[in-house]
Amino acid sequence: RGEPNDEAIAVLARAGFLGLTLPTRYGGQGRDYTALAAVCEELGAIDTSHQV
């Protein structure tokens, strides 16, 4: 239906995707926005409700 479900969000969180661009000192991965764009593109290919 175009809405992310709680289970999918939990999986993304455990994989570290929700903190992709947060600095590592705050528990994120410290990646740049190019990495975020690549992740969003791949997630969007599966289901557009998971894109940012």
PDB file of N, CA and C in Angstrom:
ATOM      1  N   ARG A   1       0.798  -1.200   0.000  1.00  0.00           N
ATOM      2  CA  ARG A   1       0.000   0.000   0.000  1.00  0.00           C
ATOM      3  C   ARG A   1       0.836   1.256   0.000  1.00  0.00           C
ATOM      4  N   GLY A   2       2.130   1.130  -0.084  1.00  0.00           N
ATOM      5  CA  GLY A   2       2.983   2.302  -0.082  1.00  0.00           C
ATOM      6  C   GLY A   2       3.350   2.817   1.288  1.00  0.00           C
ATOM      7  N   GLU A   3       3.070   2.044   2.332  1.00  0.00           N
ATOM      8  CA  GLU A   3       3.415   2.450   3.693  1.00  0.00           C
ATOM      9  C   GLU A   3       4.386   1.436   4.292  1.00  0.00           C
ATOM     10  N   PRO A   4       5.501   1.895   4.851  1.00  0.00           N
ATOM     11  CA  PRO A   4       6.433   0.940   5.460  1.00  0.00           C
ATOM     12  C   PRO A   4       5.824   0.301   6.704  1.00  0.00           C
ATOM     13  N   ASN A   5       6.147  -0.951   6.926  1.00  0.00           N
ATOM     14  CA  ASN A   5       5.634  -1.608   8.125  1.00  0.00           C
ATOM     15  C   ASN A   5       6.700  -1.610   9.218  1.00  0.00           C
ATOM     16  N   ASP A   6       6.270  -1.856  10.435  1.00  0.00           N
ATOM     17  CA  ASP A   6       7.170  -1.800  11.588  1.00  0.00           C
ATOM     18  C   ASP A   6       8.296  -2.820  11.490  1.00  0.00           C
ATOM     19  N   GLU A   7       7.994  -3.991  10.959  1.00  0.00           N
ATOM     20  CA  GLU A   7       9.021  -5.030  10.839  1.00  0.00           C
ATOM     21  C   GLU A   7      10.124  -4.599   9.877  1.00  0.00           C
ATOM     22  N   ALA A   8       9.741  -4.018   8.758  1.00  0.00           N
ATOM     23  CA  ALA A   8      10.731  -3.563   7.784  1.00  0.00           C
ATOM     24  C   ALA A   8      11.603  -2.460   8.377  1.00  0.00           C
ATOM     25  N   ILE A   9      10.998  -1.548   9.118  1.00  0.00           N
ATOM     26  CA  ILE A   9      11.762  -0.468   9.744  1.00  0.00           C
ATOM     27  C   ILE A   9      12.727  -1.035  10.778  1.00  0.00           C
ATOM     28  N   ALA A  10      12.291  -2.031  11.529  1.00  0.00           N
ATOM     29  CA  ALA A  10      13.167  -2.663  12.524  1.00  0.00           C
ATOM     30  C   ALA A  10      14.360  -3.338  11.856  1.00  0.00           C
ATOM     31  N   VAL A  11      14.138  -3.985  10.726  1.00  0.00           N
ATOM     32  CA  VAL A  11      15.232  -4.630   9.986  1.00  0.00           C
ATOM     33  C   VAL A  11      16.220  -3.577   9.490  1.00  0.00           C
ATOM     34  N   LEU A  12      15.713  -2.483   8.949  1.00  0.00           N
ATOM     35  CA  LEU A  12      16.587  -1.403   8.475  1.00  0.00           C
ATOM     36  C   LEU A  12      17.381  -0.803   9.629  1.00  0.00           C
ATOM     37  N   ALA A  13      16.749  -0.651  10.779  1.00  0.00           N
ATOM     38  CA  ALA A  13      17.439  -0.099  11.951  1.00  0.00           C
ATOM     39  C   ALA A  13      18.555  -1.027  12.413  1.00  0.00           C
ATOM     40  N   ARG A  14      18.263  -2.329  12.505  1.00  0.00           N
ATOM     41  CA  ARG A  14      19.287  -3.293  12.943  1.00  0.00           C
ATOM     42  C   ARG A  14      20.462  -3.331  11.980  1.00  0.00           C
ATOM     43  N   ALA A  15      20.192  -3.109  10.702  1.00  0.00           N
ATOM     44  CA  ALA A  15      21.252  -3.121   9.696  1.00  0.00           C
ATOM     45  C   ALA A  15      22.042  -1.812   9.681  1.00  0.00           C
ATOM     46  N   GLY A  16      21.580  -0.806  10.428  1.00  0.00           N
ATOM     47  CA  GLY A  16      22.294   0.458  10.512  1.00  0.00           C
ATOM     48  C   GLY A  16      21.918   1.475   9.453  1.00  0.00           C
ATOM     49  N   PHE A  17      20.903   1.172   8.652  1.00  0.00           N
ATOM     50  CA  PHE A  17      20.542   2.082   7.571  1.00  0.00           C
ATOM     51  C   PHE A  17      19.874   3.362   8.059  1.00  0.00           C
ATOM     52  N   LEU A  18      19.223   3.337   9.209  1.00  0.00           N
ATOM     53  CA  LEU A  18      18.538   4.539   9.680  1.00  0.00           C
ATOM     54  C   LEU A  18      19.511   5.579  10.226  1.00  0.00           C
ATOM     55  N   GLY A  19      20.708   5.160  10.587  1.00  0.00           N
ATOM     56  CA  GLY A  19      21.727   6.080  11.078  1.00  0.00           C
ATOM     57  C   GLY A  19      22.898   6.202  10.121  1.00  0.00           C
ATOM     58  N   LEU A  20      22.639   6.008   8.854  1.00  0.00           N
ATOM     59  CA  LEU A  20      23.705   5.959   7.857  1.00  0.00           C
ATOM     60  C   LEU A  20      24.571   7.219   7.852  1.00  0.00           C
ATOM     61  N   THR A  21      23.964   8.392   7.909  1.00  0.00           N
ATOM     62  CA  THR A  21      24.735   9.634   7.821  1.00  0.00           C
ATOM     63  C   THR A  21      25.039  10.267   9.177  1.00  0.00           C
ATOM     64  N   LEU A  22      24.579   9.639  10.253  1.00  0.00           N
ATOM     65  CA  LEU A  22      24.911  10.161  11.585  1.00  0.00           C
ATOM     66  C   LEU A  22      26.377   9.891  11.899  1.00  0.00           C
ATOM     67  N   PRO A  23      27.045  10.810  12.580  1.00  0.00           N
ATOM     68  CA  PRO A  23      28.436  10.570  12.973  1.00  0.00           C
ATOM     69  C   PRO A  23      28.555   9.326  13.854  1.00  0.00           C
ATOM     70  N   THR A  24      29.672   8.660  13.756  1.00  0.00           N
ATOM     71  CA  THR A  24      29.887   7.434  14.533  1.00  0.00           C
ATOM     72  C   THR A  24      29.838   7.710  16.034  1.00  0.00           C
ATOM     73  N   ARG A  25      30.225   8.906  16.462  1.00  0.00           N
ATOM     74  CA  ARG A  25      30.203   9.210  17.900  1.00  0.00           C
ATOM     75  C   ARG A  25      28.786   9.231  18.465  1.00  0.00           C
ATOM     76  N   TYR A  26      27.788   9.309  17.577  1.00  0.00           N
ATOM     77  CA  TYR A  26      26.389   9.266  18.003  1.00  0.00           C
ATOM     78  C   TYR A  26      25.730   7.935  17.658  1.00  0.00           C
ATOM     79  N   GLY A  27      26.531   6.949  17.292  1.00  0.00           N
ATOM     80  CA  GLY A  27      25.999   5.625  16.992  1.00  0.00           C
ATOM     81  C   GLY A  27      25.651   5.379  15.540  1.00  0.00           C
ATOM     82  N   GLY A  28      25.940   6.353  14.689  1.00  0.00           N
ATOM     83  CA  GLY A  28      25.668   6.186  13.263  1.00  0.00           C
ATOM     84  C   GLY A  28      26.843   5.555  12.541  1.00  0.00           C
ATOM     85  N   GLN A  29      26.746   5.512  11.226  1.00  0.00           N
ATOM     86  CA  GLN A  29      27.810   4.929  10.420  1.00  0.00           C
ATOM     87  C   GLN A  29      28.765   5.972   9.846  1.00  0.00           C
ATOM     88  N   GLY A  30      28.409   7.239   9.930  1.00  0.00           N
ATOM     89  CA  GLY A  30      29.294   8.290   9.458  1.00  0.00           C
ATOM     90  C   GLY A  30      29.496   8.324   7.954  1.00  0.00           C
ATOM     91  N   ARG A  31      28.530   7.819   7.210  1.00  0.00           N
ATOM     92  CA  ARG A  31      28.637   7.797   5.743  1.00  0.00           C
ATOM     93  C   ARG A  31      28.211   9.138   5.163  1.00  0.00           C
ATOM     94  N   ASP A  32      28.565   9.342   3.899  1.00  0.00           N
ATOM     95  CA  ASP A  32      28.190  10.591   3.238  1.00  0.00           C
ATOM     96  C   ASP A  32      26.834  10.437   2.533  1.00  0.00           C
ATOM     97  N   TYR A  33      26.376  11.542   1.944  1.00  0.00           N
ATOM     98  CA  TYR A  33      25.062  11.527   1.311  1.00  0.00           C
ATOM     99  C   TYR A  33      25.054  10.751  -0.001  1.00  0.00           C
ATOM    100  N   THR A  34      26.218  10.518  -0.583  1.00  0.00           N
ATOM    101  CA  THR A  34      26.293   9.657  -1.763  1.00  0.00           C
ATOM    102  C   THR A  34      25.927   8.228  -1.379  1.00  0.00           C
ATOM    103  N   ALA A  35      26.418   7.777  -0.236  1.00  0.00           N
ATOM    104  CA  ALA A  35      26.062   6.440   0.257  1.00  0.00           C
ATOM    105  C   ALA A  35      24.571   6.369   0.564  1.00  0.00           C
ATOM    106  N   LEU A  36      24.033   7.416   1.170  1.00  0.00           N
ATOM    107  CA  LEU A  36      22.602   7.452   1.469  1.00  0.00           C
ATOM    108  C   LEU A  36      21.782   7.378   0.181  1.00  0.00           C
ATOM    109  N   ALA A  37      22.203   8.117  -0.836  1.00  0.00           N
ATOM    110  CA  ALA A  37      21.489   8.092  -2.114  1.00  0.00           C
ATOM    111  C   ALA A  37      21.509   6.702  -2.733  1.00  0.00           C
ATOM    112  N   ALA A  38      22.643   6.015  -2.636  1.00  0.00           N
ATOM    113  CA  ALA A  38      22.746   4.660  -3.181  1.00  0.00           C
ATOM    114  C   ALA A  38      21.803   3.706  -2.453  1.00  0.00           C
ATOM    115  N   VAL A  39      21.745   3.823  -1.132  1.00  0.00           N
ATOM    116  CA  VAL A  39      20.843   2.972  -0.345  1.00  0.00           C
ATOM    117  C   VAL A  39      19.387   3.278  -0.706  1.00  0.00           C
ATOM    118  N   CYS A  40      19.047   4.548  -0.799  1.00  0.00           N
ATOM    119  CA  CYS A  40      17.674   4.928  -1.144  1.00  0.00           C
ATOM    120  C   CYS A  40      17.287   4.416  -2.524  1.00  0.00           C
ATOM    121  N   GLU A  41      18.221   4.479  -3.458  1.00  0.00           N
ATOM    122  CA  GLU A  41      17.950   3.993  -4.807  1.00  0.00           C
ATOM    123  C   GLU A  41      17.660   2.492  -4.797  1.00  0.00           C
ATOM    124  N   GLU A  42      18.470   1.745  -4.064  1.00  0.00           N
ATOM    125  CA  GLU A  42      18.271   0.291  -3.995  1.00  0.00           C
ATOM    126  C   GLU A  42      16.972  -0.062  -3.276  1.00  0.00           C
ATOM    127  N   LEU A  43      16.688   0.626  -2.180  1.00  0.00           N
ATOM    128  CA  LEU A  43      15.434   0.363  -1.471  1.00  0.00           C
ATOM    129  C   LEU A  43      14.231   0.730  -2.333  1.00  0.00           C
ATOM    130  N   GLY A  44      14.351   1.814  -3.077  1.00  0.00           N
ATOM    131  CA  GLY A  44      13.267   2.244  -3.952  1.00  0.00           C
ATOM    132  C   GLY A  44      12.994   1.274  -5.081  1.00  0.00           C
ATOM    133  N   ALA A  45      14.020   0.536  -5.488  1.00  0.00           N
ATOM    134  CA  ALA A  45      13.825  -0.469  -6.531  1.00  0.00           C
ATOM    135  C   ALA A  45      12.972  -1.626  -6.020  1.00  0.00           C
ATOM    136  N   ILE A  46      12.988  -1.825  -4.705  1.00  0.00           N
ATOM    137  CA  ILE A  46      12.217  -2.907  -4.093  1.00  0.00           C
ATOM    138  C   ILE A  46      10.819  -2.426  -3.723  1.00  0.00           C
ATOM    139  N   ASP A  47      10.762  -1.268  -3.059  1.00  0.00           N
ATOM    140  CA  ASP A  47       9.486  -0.749  -2.555  1.00  0.00           C
ATOM    141  C   ASP A  47       9.661   0.737  -2.284  1.00  0.00           C
ATOM    142  N   THR A  48       8.926   1.567  -2.983  1.00  0.00           N
ATOM    143  CA  THR A  48       9.106   3.014  -2.850  1.00  0.00           C
ATOM    144  C   THR A  48       8.710   3.553  -1.481  1.00  0.00           C
ATOM    145  N   SER A  49       7.994   2.798  -0.688  1.00  0.00           N
ATOM    146  CA  SER A  49       7.609   3.295   0.635  1.00  0.00           C
ATOM    147  C   SER A  49       8.795   3.367   1.585  1.00  0.00           C
ATOM    148  N   HIS A  50       9.916   2.745   1.231  1.00  0.00           N
ATOM    149  CA  HIS A  50      11.091   2.753   2.096  1.00  0.00           C
ATOM    150  C   HIS A  50      12.121   3.798   1.689  1.00  0.00           C
ATOM    151  N   GLN A  51      11.836   4.570   0.674  1.00  0.00           N
ATOM    152  CA  GLN A  51      12.754   5.624   0.275  1.00  0.00           C
ATOM    153  C   GLN A  51      12.625   6.812   1.206  1.00  0.00           C
ATOM    154  N   VAL A  52      13.677   7.596   1.256  1.00  0.00           N
ATOM    155  CA  VAL A  52      13.656   8.823   2.053  1.00  0.00           C
ATOM    156  C   VAL A  52      13.092   9.930   1.198  1.00  0.00           C
TER     157      VAL A  52
END
